[in-house]
Amino acid sequence: MNLRVSGIPTAEFDQLRNDGFDANGQAPLARVAEGAANPCRHCLQLITPGADKLVLNCRPFPCAQPYAETGPIFLHNETCVRFEGAGLPAWFHFLDPAAVRGYDADDWIRYETGQIVRGGDLKDVCESILSDPSVAYVHIRSKFGCFQYRVDRASAAS
């Protein structure tokens, strides 16, 4: 199965960088990236230590509802290109463990899909979950509850 991985939409990224408010109704906090574990959820690349980043609360769902989880994320504080691709960025193998959950077309969690897995198993686990036609997409979260990225089935044209 071919997978499509995508960062948060560019319109949302631009809005958050330009005086927008996060899922808690707060302005993103500007901080300096420390260490090597600061992934931007728009381009899905690591933010260089010492670079400016934004820290905020993200709800990666179209609207609030009981299963619309939120969690902290980082974004570049400068323009970057949204990641949309067929493969997982290589550094995602270091998510260990990662929480994986499938959602239906109404954005509700499919409980039977929830798993805690090693980063190196993410691709296989996503393919397995998405083999169920009632699952519309998968979310990956870190062990800290931080939203990482969304995985969809790739269309035949992708």
N, C-alpha and C. Protein backbone atom coordinates (compact mmCIF):
# COMPACT_ATOMS: atom_id res chain seq x y z
N MET A 1 0.84 -1.18 0.00
CA MET A 1 0.00 0.00 0.00
C MET A 1 0.89 1.25 0.00
N ASN A 2 0.51 2.22 -0.80
CA ASN A 2 1.22 3.49 -0.81
C ASN A 2 0.61 4.43 0.22
N LEU A 3 1.47 5.11 0.95
CA LEU A 3 1.03 6.03 1.99
C LEU A 3 1.33 7.47 1.57
N ARG A 4 0.52 8.40 2.07
CA ARG A 4 0.77 9.83 1.88
C ARG A 4 0.90 10.46 3.25
N VAL A 5 2.02 11.10 3.52
CA VAL A 5 2.31 11.74 4.80
C VAL A 5 2.26 13.25 4.57
N SER A 6 1.64 13.97 5.50
CA SER A 6 1.56 15.41 5.31
C SER A 6 1.69 16.16 6.62
N GLY A 7 2.34 17.32 6.53
CA GLY A 7 2.44 18.23 7.65
C GLY A 7 1.14 19.03 7.77
N ILE A 8 1.06 19.88 8.79
CA ILE A 8 -0.15 20.69 8.94
C ILE A 8 -0.30 21.60 7.72
N PRO A 9 -1.52 21.95 7.37
CA PRO A 9 -1.75 22.78 6.17
C PRO A 9 -1.02 24.13 6.24
N THR A 10 -0.56 24.58 5.08
CA THR A 10 0.19 25.83 5.01
C THR A 10 -0.65 27.02 5.50
N ALA A 11 -1.93 27.06 5.19
CA ALA A 11 -2.78 28.17 5.65
C ALA A 11 -2.78 28.25 7.18
N GLU A 12 -2.84 27.10 7.84
CA GLU A 12 -2.80 27.06 9.30
C GLU A 12 -1.42 27.49 9.82
N PHE A 13 -0.37 27.01 9.18
CA PHE A 13 1.00 27.39 9.54
C PHE A 13 1.18 28.90 9.43
N ASP A 14 0.75 29.48 8.31
CA ASP A 14 0.89 30.92 8.11
C ASP A 14 0.08 31.71 9.14
N GLN A 15 -1.10 31.25 9.42
CA GLN A 15 -1.95 31.94 10.40
C GLN A 15 -1.31 31.91 11.78
N LEU A 16 -0.75 30.79 12.19
CA LEU A 16 -0.12 30.67 13.50
C LEU A 16 1.14 31.54 13.59
N ARG A 17 1.88 31.65 12.52
CA ARG A 17 3.10 32.46 12.50
C ARG A 17 2.80 33.96 12.46
N ASN A 18 1.61 34.33 12.02
CA ASN A 18 1.26 35.74 11.83
C ASN A 18 0.17 36.17 12.82
N ASP A 19 0.48 36.05 14.10
CA ASP A 19 -0.40 36.51 15.17
C ASP A 19 -1.69 35.72 15.30
N GLY A 20 -1.67 34.45 14.91
CA GLY A 20 -2.84 33.60 15.09
C GLY A 20 -2.86 33.00 16.48
N PHE A 21 -3.90 32.25 16.76
CA PHE A 21 -4.07 31.62 18.06
C PHE A 21 -4.14 30.11 17.90
N ASP A 22 -3.62 29.40 18.91
CA ASP A 22 -3.58 27.94 18.87
C ASP A 22 -4.90 27.34 19.33
N ALA A 23 -4.93 26.02 19.51
CA ALA A 23 -6.15 25.31 19.91
C ALA A 23 -6.64 25.72 21.29
N ASN A 24 -5.78 26.34 22.10
CA ASN A 24 -6.19 26.84 23.42
C ASN A 24 -6.58 28.31 23.37
N GLY A 25 -6.56 28.91 22.19
CA GLY A 25 -6.89 30.32 22.06
C GLY A 25 -5.76 31.24 22.50
N GLN A 26 -4.54 30.71 22.52
CA GLN A 26 -3.37 31.48 22.95
C GLN A 26 -2.43 31.70 21.78
N ALA A 27 -1.66 32.79 21.84
CA ALA A 27 -0.64 33.04 20.82
C ALA A 27 0.50 32.03 21.01
N PRO A 28 1.08 31.54 19.91
CA PRO A 28 2.24 30.65 20.03
C PRO A 28 3.37 31.34 20.78
N LEU A 29 4.14 30.56 21.52
CA LEU A 29 5.28 31.08 22.27
C LEU A 29 6.54 30.94 21.44
N ALA A 30 7.32 32.01 21.35
CA ALA A 30 8.59 31.97 20.64
C ALA A 30 9.66 31.48 21.60
N ARG A 31 10.43 30.49 21.17
CA ARG A 31 11.50 29.92 21.97
C ARG A 31 12.69 29.60 21.08
N VAL A 32 13.81 29.30 21.69
CA VAL A 32 15.00 28.87 20.95
C VAL A 32 15.04 27.35 21.00
N ALA A 33 15.23 26.72 19.86
CA ALA A 33 15.30 25.25 19.79
C ALA A 33 16.55 24.77 20.52
N GLU A 34 16.36 23.81 21.40
CA GLU A 34 17.47 23.19 22.14
C GLU A 34 17.48 21.71 21.84
N GLY A 35 18.66 21.14 21.70
CA GLY A 35 18.77 19.71 21.43
C GLY A 35 18.38 19.38 20.00
N ALA A 36 18.20 18.10 19.74
CA ALA A 36 17.95 17.65 18.38
C ALA A 36 16.54 17.10 18.18
N ALA A 37 15.62 17.38 19.09
CA ALA A 37 14.28 16.81 18.99
C ALA A 37 13.22 17.90 18.89
N ASN A 38 13.35 18.73 17.87
CA ASN A 38 12.42 19.83 17.65
C ASN A 38 11.85 19.75 16.24
N PRO A 39 10.93 18.84 15.97
CA PRO A 39 10.41 18.71 14.61
C PRO A 39 9.34 19.75 14.31
N CYS A 40 9.48 20.42 13.17
CA CYS A 40 8.46 21.34 12.69
C CYS A 40 7.33 20.50 12.10
N ARG A 41 6.10 20.75 12.52
CA ARG A 41 4.96 19.96 12.04
C ARG A 41 4.42 20.44 10.71
N HIS A 42 5.07 21.40 10.10
CA HIS A 42 4.67 21.84 8.77
C HIS A 42 5.57 21.19 7.71
N CYS A 43 6.89 21.33 7.85
CA CYS A 43 7.81 20.75 6.87
C CYS A 43 8.29 19.36 7.29
N LEU A 44 8.02 18.97 8.53
CA LEU A 44 8.43 17.69 9.11
C LEU A 44 9.94 17.50 9.11
N GLN A 45 10.67 18.61 9.20
CA GLN A 45 12.12 18.56 9.35
C GLN A 45 12.47 19.03 10.75
N LEU A 46 13.64 18.64 11.22
CA LEU A 46 14.07 19.06 12.55
C LEU A 46 14.50 20.52 12.52
N ILE A 47 14.10 21.26 13.53
CA ILE A 47 14.50 22.65 13.66
C ILE A 47 15.92 22.67 14.22
N THR A 48 16.79 23.41 13.58
CA THR A 48 18.20 23.48 13.96
C THR A 48 18.35 24.02 15.37
N PRO A 49 19.13 23.34 16.23
CA PRO A 49 19.38 23.88 17.57
C PRO A 49 19.89 25.32 17.48
N GLY A 50 19.32 26.19 18.31
CA GLY A 50 19.68 27.60 18.32
C GLY A 50 18.77 28.46 17.45
N ALA A 51 18.00 27.82 16.57
CA ALA A 51 17.07 28.56 15.71
C ALA A 51 15.80 28.89 16.50
N ASP A 52 15.09 29.91 16.05
CA ASP A 52 13.81 30.26 16.67
C ASP A 52 12.76 29.23 16.29
N LYS A 53 11.90 28.92 17.23
CA LYS A 53 10.78 28.03 16.96
C LYS A 53 9.56 28.59 17.67
N LEU A 54 8.39 28.10 17.28
CA LEU A 54 7.15 28.42 17.96
C LEU A 54 6.67 27.17 18.68
N VAL A 55 6.14 27.35 19.88
CA VAL A 55 5.59 26.25 20.66
C VAL A 55 4.12 26.58 20.89
N LEU A 56 3.26 25.63 20.58
CA LEU A 56 1.83 25.89 20.68
C LEU A 56 1.04 24.61 20.83
N ASN A 57 -0.25 24.75 21.08
CA ASN A 57 -1.14 23.61 21.20
C ASN A 57 -1.86 23.42 19.87
N CYS A 58 -1.90 22.19 19.40
CA CYS A 58 -2.47 21.87 18.09
C CYS A 58 -3.63 20.90 18.25
N ARG A 59 -4.71 21.17 17.52
CA ARG A 59 -5.83 20.22 17.40
C ARG A 59 -5.94 19.90 15.92
N PRO A 60 -5.34 18.80 15.46
CA PRO A 60 -5.28 18.50 14.02
C PRO A 60 -6.57 17.89 13.47
N PHE A 61 -7.67 18.51 13.78
CA PHE A 61 -8.99 18.06 13.34
C PHE A 61 -9.75 19.28 12.84
N PRO A 62 -10.73 19.09 11.96
CA PRO A 62 -11.44 20.23 11.39
C PRO A 62 -12.32 20.99 12.39
N CYS A 63 -12.76 20.33 13.46
CA CYS A 63 -13.59 21.02 14.45
C CYS A 63 -13.47 20.31 15.80
N ALA A 64 -13.89 21.01 16.83
CA ALA A 64 -13.88 20.42 18.17
C ALA A 64 -14.97 19.36 18.26
N GLN A 65 -14.63 18.25 18.87
CA GLN A 65 -15.56 17.14 19.11
C GLN A 65 -14.88 16.23 20.13
N PRO A 66 -15.60 15.28 20.71
CA PRO A 66 -15.02 14.51 21.82
C PRO A 66 -13.69 13.82 21.53
N TYR A 67 -13.42 13.42 20.28
CA TYR A 67 -12.18 12.71 19.97
C TYR A 67 -11.11 13.60 19.32
N ALA A 68 -11.35 14.89 19.31
CA ALA A 68 -10.39 15.83 18.71
C ALA A 68 -9.33 16.18 19.74
N GLU A 69 -8.35 15.30 19.86
CA GLU A 69 -7.27 15.50 20.82
C GLU A 69 -6.41 16.70 20.45
N THR A 70 -5.84 17.31 21.47
CA THR A 70 -4.87 18.38 21.26
C THR A 70 -3.54 17.94 21.84
N GLY A 71 -2.50 18.67 21.51
CA GLY A 71 -1.18 18.37 22.05
C GLY A 71 -0.20 19.43 21.62
N PRO A 72 0.91 19.53 22.33
CA PRO A 72 1.92 20.53 21.99
C PRO A 72 2.66 20.15 20.71
N ILE A 73 3.02 21.20 19.95
CA ILE A 73 3.83 21.01 18.74
C ILE A 73 4.83 22.15 18.63
N PHE A 74 5.80 21.97 17.73
CA PHE A 74 6.76 23.01 17.37
C PHE A 74 6.56 23.36 15.90
N LEU A 75 6.86 24.61 15.57
CA LEU A 75 6.88 25.07 14.18
C LEU A 75 8.11 25.93 13.97
N HIS A 76 8.63 25.93 12.76
CA HIS A 76 9.65 26.92 12.42
C HIS A 76 9.05 28.31 12.60
N ASN A 77 9.85 29.25 13.01
CA ASN A 77 9.39 30.63 13.12
C ASN A 77 9.65 31.39 11.82
N GLU A 78 10.17 30.69 10.80
CA GLU A 78 10.34 31.28 9.49
C GLU A 78 9.63 30.39 8.47
N THR A 79 9.50 30.88 7.28
CA THR A 79 8.81 30.15 6.23
C THR A 79 9.51 28.82 5.93
N CYS A 80 8.73 27.79 5.73
CA CYS A 80 9.25 26.50 5.26
C CYS A 80 8.19 25.88 4.36
N VAL A 81 8.56 24.85 3.65
CA VAL A 81 7.67 24.21 2.68
C VAL A 81 6.98 23.01 3.32
N ARG A 82 5.67 22.96 3.19
CA ARG A 82 4.89 21.86 3.76
C ARG A 82 5.37 20.52 3.20
N PHE A 83 5.50 19.54 4.10
CA PHE A 83 5.86 18.19 3.67
C PHE A 83 4.60 17.47 3.22
N GLU A 84 4.65 16.95 2.01
CA GLU A 84 3.63 16.05 1.48
C GLU A 84 4.39 15.03 0.67
N GLY A 85 4.41 13.81 1.15
CA GLY A 85 5.20 12.82 0.45
C GLY A 85 4.74 11.40 0.69
N ALA A 86 5.36 10.50 -0.04
CA ALA A 86 4.99 9.09 0.03
C ALA A 86 5.72 8.35 1.15
N GLY A 87 6.79 8.92 1.67
CA GLY A 87 7.56 8.21 2.68
C GLY A 87 7.64 8.99 3.98
N LEU A 88 7.98 8.28 5.02
CA LEU A 88 8.17 8.92 6.32
C LEU A 88 9.56 9.55 6.36
N PRO A 89 9.66 10.78 6.88
CA PRO A 89 11.01 11.35 7.05
C PRO A 89 11.86 10.39 7.89
N ALA A 90 13.13 10.26 7.54
CA ALA A 90 14.01 9.28 8.19
C ALA A 90 14.08 9.43 9.70
N TRP A 91 14.05 10.64 10.21
CA TRP A 91 14.19 10.83 11.66
C TRP A 91 13.00 10.29 12.43
N PHE A 92 11.88 10.02 11.78
CA PHE A 92 10.72 9.49 12.50
C PHE A 92 10.98 8.09 13.06
N HIS A 93 12.00 7.41 12.55
CA HIS A 93 12.35 6.10 13.12
C HIS A 93 12.79 6.23 14.57
N PHE A 94 13.16 7.45 14.98
CA PHE A 94 13.61 7.66 16.36
C PHE A 94 12.46 7.93 17.33
N LEU A 95 11.23 7.98 16.84
CA LEU A 95 10.06 8.07 17.72
C LEU A 95 9.92 6.71 18.38
N ASP A 96 10.32 6.62 19.61
CA ASP A 96 10.37 5.31 20.23
C ASP A 96 10.06 5.41 21.72
N PRO A 97 8.83 5.11 22.08
CA PRO A 97 7.75 4.61 21.24
C PRO A 97 6.92 5.74 20.64
N ALA A 98 6.04 5.36 19.74
CA ALA A 98 5.08 6.28 19.13
C ALA A 98 3.69 5.70 19.34
N ALA A 99 2.71 6.59 19.49
CA ALA A 99 1.31 6.19 19.59
C ALA A 99 0.68 6.34 18.21
N VAL A 100 -0.02 5.31 17.77
CA VAL A 100 -0.65 5.30 16.46
C VAL A 100 -2.14 5.06 16.66
N ARG A 101 -2.96 5.89 15.98
CA ARG A 101 -4.41 5.72 16.09
C ARG A 101 -5.05 5.97 14.72
N GLY A 102 -6.00 5.12 14.38
CA GLY A 102 -6.78 5.33 13.17
C GLY A 102 -8.06 6.08 13.50
N TYR A 103 -8.54 6.85 12.52
CA TYR A 103 -9.77 7.62 12.67
C TYR A 103 -10.68 7.33 11.48
N ASP A 104 -11.99 7.41 11.72
CA ASP A 104 -12.93 7.19 10.62
C ASP A 104 -13.20 8.51 9.89
N ALA A 105 -14.09 8.47 8.92
CA ALA A 105 -14.37 9.66 8.10
C ALA A 105 -15.02 10.78 8.92
N ASP A 106 -15.56 10.46 10.08
CA ASP A 106 -16.15 11.47 10.96
C ASP A 106 -15.15 11.97 12.01
N ASP A 107 -13.88 11.60 11.86
CA ASP A 107 -12.80 12.02 12.76
C ASP A 107 -12.90 11.42 14.16
N TRP A 108 -13.54 10.29 14.26
CA TRP A 108 -13.64 9.60 15.55
C TRP A 108 -12.60 8.49 15.61
N ILE A 109 -11.99 8.33 16.78
CA ILE A 109 -10.99 7.28 16.98
C ILE A 109 -11.62 5.91 16.74
N ARG A 110 -10.90 5.07 16.04
CA ARG A 110 -11.25 3.65 15.92
C ARG A 110 -10.41 2.94 16.97
N TYR A 111 -11.02 2.66 18.11
CA TYR A 111 -10.29 2.15 19.27
C TYR A 111 -9.43 0.93 18.97
N GLU A 112 -9.93 0.04 18.15
CA GLU A 112 -9.19 -1.19 17.88
C GLU A 112 -7.88 -0.94 17.14
N THR A 113 -7.68 0.26 16.63
CA THR A 113 -6.46 0.56 15.89
C THR A 113 -5.33 1.09 16.77
N GLY A 114 -5.65 1.52 17.98
CA GLY A 114 -4.65 2.15 18.84
C GLY A 114 -3.52 1.21 19.20
N GLN A 115 -2.29 1.69 18.99
CA GLN A 115 -1.10 0.89 19.29
C GLN A 115 0.04 1.78 19.75
N ILE A 116 0.90 1.23 20.57
CA ILE A 116 2.17 1.86 20.93
C ILE A 116 3.24 1.03 20.23
N VAL A 117 4.02 1.68 19.35
CA VAL A 117 4.96 0.93 18.51
C VAL A 117 6.32 1.60 18.48
N ARG A 118 7.30 0.87 18.04
CA ARG A 118 8.65 1.41 17.83
C ARG A 118 8.64 2.23 16.54
N GLY A 119 9.48 3.26 16.50
CA GLY A 119 9.54 4.13 15.33
C GLY A 119 9.82 3.39 14.04
N GLY A 120 10.65 2.38 14.07
CA GLY A 120 10.98 1.62 12.87
C GLY A 120 9.82 0.81 12.33
N ASP A 121 8.77 0.63 13.14
CA ASP A 121 7.60 -0.16 12.72
C ASP A 121 6.45 0.71 12.22
N LEU A 122 6.62 2.03 12.22
CA LEU A 122 5.51 2.93 11.89
C LEU A 122 4.91 2.67 10.50
N LYS A 123 5.73 2.51 9.50
CA LYS A 123 5.22 2.30 8.14
C LYS A 123 4.35 1.06 8.07
N ASP A 124 4.84 -0.05 8.58
CA ASP A 124 4.08 -1.31 8.53
C ASP A 124 2.78 -1.20 9.32
N VAL A 125 2.83 -0.56 10.48
CA VAL A 125 1.64 -0.43 11.32
C VAL A 125 0.61 0.46 10.62
N CYS A 126 1.05 1.57 10.03
CA CYS A 126 0.12 2.45 9.31
C CYS A 126 -0.53 1.70 8.14
N GLU A 127 0.26 0.95 7.40
CA GLU A 127 -0.30 0.18 6.28
C GLU A 127 -1.34 -0.82 6.78
N SER A 128 -1.06 -1.48 7.89
CA SER A 128 -1.99 -2.45 8.44
C SER A 128 -3.29 -1.78 8.87
N ILE A 129 -3.19 -0.68 9.57
CA ILE A 129 -4.40 0.03 10.03
C ILE A 129 -5.21 0.54 8.84
N LEU A 130 -4.52 1.11 7.85
CA LEU A 130 -5.22 1.66 6.69
C LEU A 130 -5.74 0.59 5.73
N SER A 131 -5.39 -0.67 5.96
CA SER A 131 -5.97 -1.74 5.13
C SER A 131 -7.44 -1.95 5.47
N ASP A 132 -7.89 -1.43 6.60
CA ASP A 132 -9.30 -1.48 6.99
C ASP A 132 -10.01 -0.32 6.29
N PRO A 133 -10.96 -0.59 5.39
CA PRO A 133 -11.60 0.49 4.63
C PRO A 133 -12.40 1.48 5.49
N SER A 134 -12.73 1.10 6.72
CA SER A 134 -13.48 2.02 7.59
C SER A 134 -12.56 3.05 8.26
N VAL A 135 -11.25 2.88 8.11
CA VAL A 135 -10.29 3.85 8.66
C VAL A 135 -9.95 4.84 7.55
N ALA A 136 -10.17 6.13 7.84
CA ALA A 136 -9.92 7.17 6.84
C ALA A 136 -8.48 7.64 6.85
N TYR A 137 -7.85 7.71 8.04
CA TYR A 137 -6.49 8.20 8.17
C TYR A 137 -5.93 7.79 9.53
N VAL A 138 -4.64 8.02 9.70
CA VAL A 138 -3.93 7.65 10.93
C VAL A 138 -3.21 8.88 11.45
N HIS A 139 -3.18 9.03 12.76
CA HIS A 139 -2.34 10.05 13.41
C HIS A 139 -1.22 9.34 14.16
N ILE A 140 -0.05 9.95 14.13
CA ILE A 140 1.10 9.49 14.89
C ILE A 140 1.37 10.55 15.96
N ARG A 141 1.56 10.11 17.19
CA ARG A 141 1.91 11.00 18.30
C ARG A 141 3.15 10.45 19.00
N SER A 142 3.88 11.35 19.61
CA SER A 142 5.05 10.93 20.38
C SER A 142 4.61 10.33 21.71
N LYS A 143 5.56 9.77 22.43
CA LYS A 143 5.26 9.22 23.75
C LYS A 143 4.81 10.30 24.73
N PHE A 144 5.04 11.56 24.37
CA PHE A 144 4.63 12.68 25.22
C PHE A 144 3.25 13.21 24.85
N GLY A 145 2.60 12.64 23.84
CA GLY A 145 1.29 13.09 23.40
C GLY A 145 1.32 14.16 22.33
N CYS A 146 2.53 14.50 21.84
CA CYS A 146 2.67 15.53 20.81
C CYS A 146 2.25 14.97 19.45
N PHE A 147 1.36 15.68 18.77
CA PHE A 147 0.98 15.31 17.41
C PHE A 147 2.21 15.40 16.51
N GLN A 148 2.46 14.36 15.71
CA GLN A 148 3.62 14.34 14.82
C GLN A 148 3.21 14.57 13.37
N TYR A 149 2.32 13.74 12.85
CA TYR A 149 1.91 13.88 11.47
C TYR A 149 0.72 12.98 11.18
N ARG A 150 0.11 13.22 10.02
CA ARG A 150 -1.04 12.47 9.55
C ARG A 150 -0.61 11.58 8.38
N VAL A 151 -1.18 10.38 8.34
CA VAL A 151 -0.89 9.44 7.26
C VAL A 151 -2.22 9.04 6.61
N ASP A 152 -2.26 9.14 5.29
CA ASP A 152 -3.44 8.75 4.51
C ASP A 152 -3.02 7.69 3.50
N ARG A 153 -4.00 7.04 2.90
CA ARG A 153 -3.73 6.19 1.75
C ARG A 153 -3.38 7.12 0.58
N ALA A 154 -2.38 6.77 -0.17
CA ALA A 154 -2.07 7.57 -1.36
C ALA A 154 -3.05 7.19 -2.45
N SER A 155 -3.49 8.18 -3.20
CA SER A 155 -4.39 7.88 -4.31
C SER A 155 -3.59 7.24 -5.43
N ALA A 156 -4.28 6.61 -6.34
CA ALA A 156 -3.61 5.95 -7.45
C ALA A 156 -2.83 6.95 -8.29
N ALA A 157 -3.26 8.22 -8.29
CA ALA A 157 -2.58 9.25 -9.07
C ALA A 157 -1.34 9.81 -8.37
N SER A 158 -1.18 9.50 -7.08
CA SER A 158 -0.04 10.05 -6.32
C SER A 158 1.26 9.43 -6.70
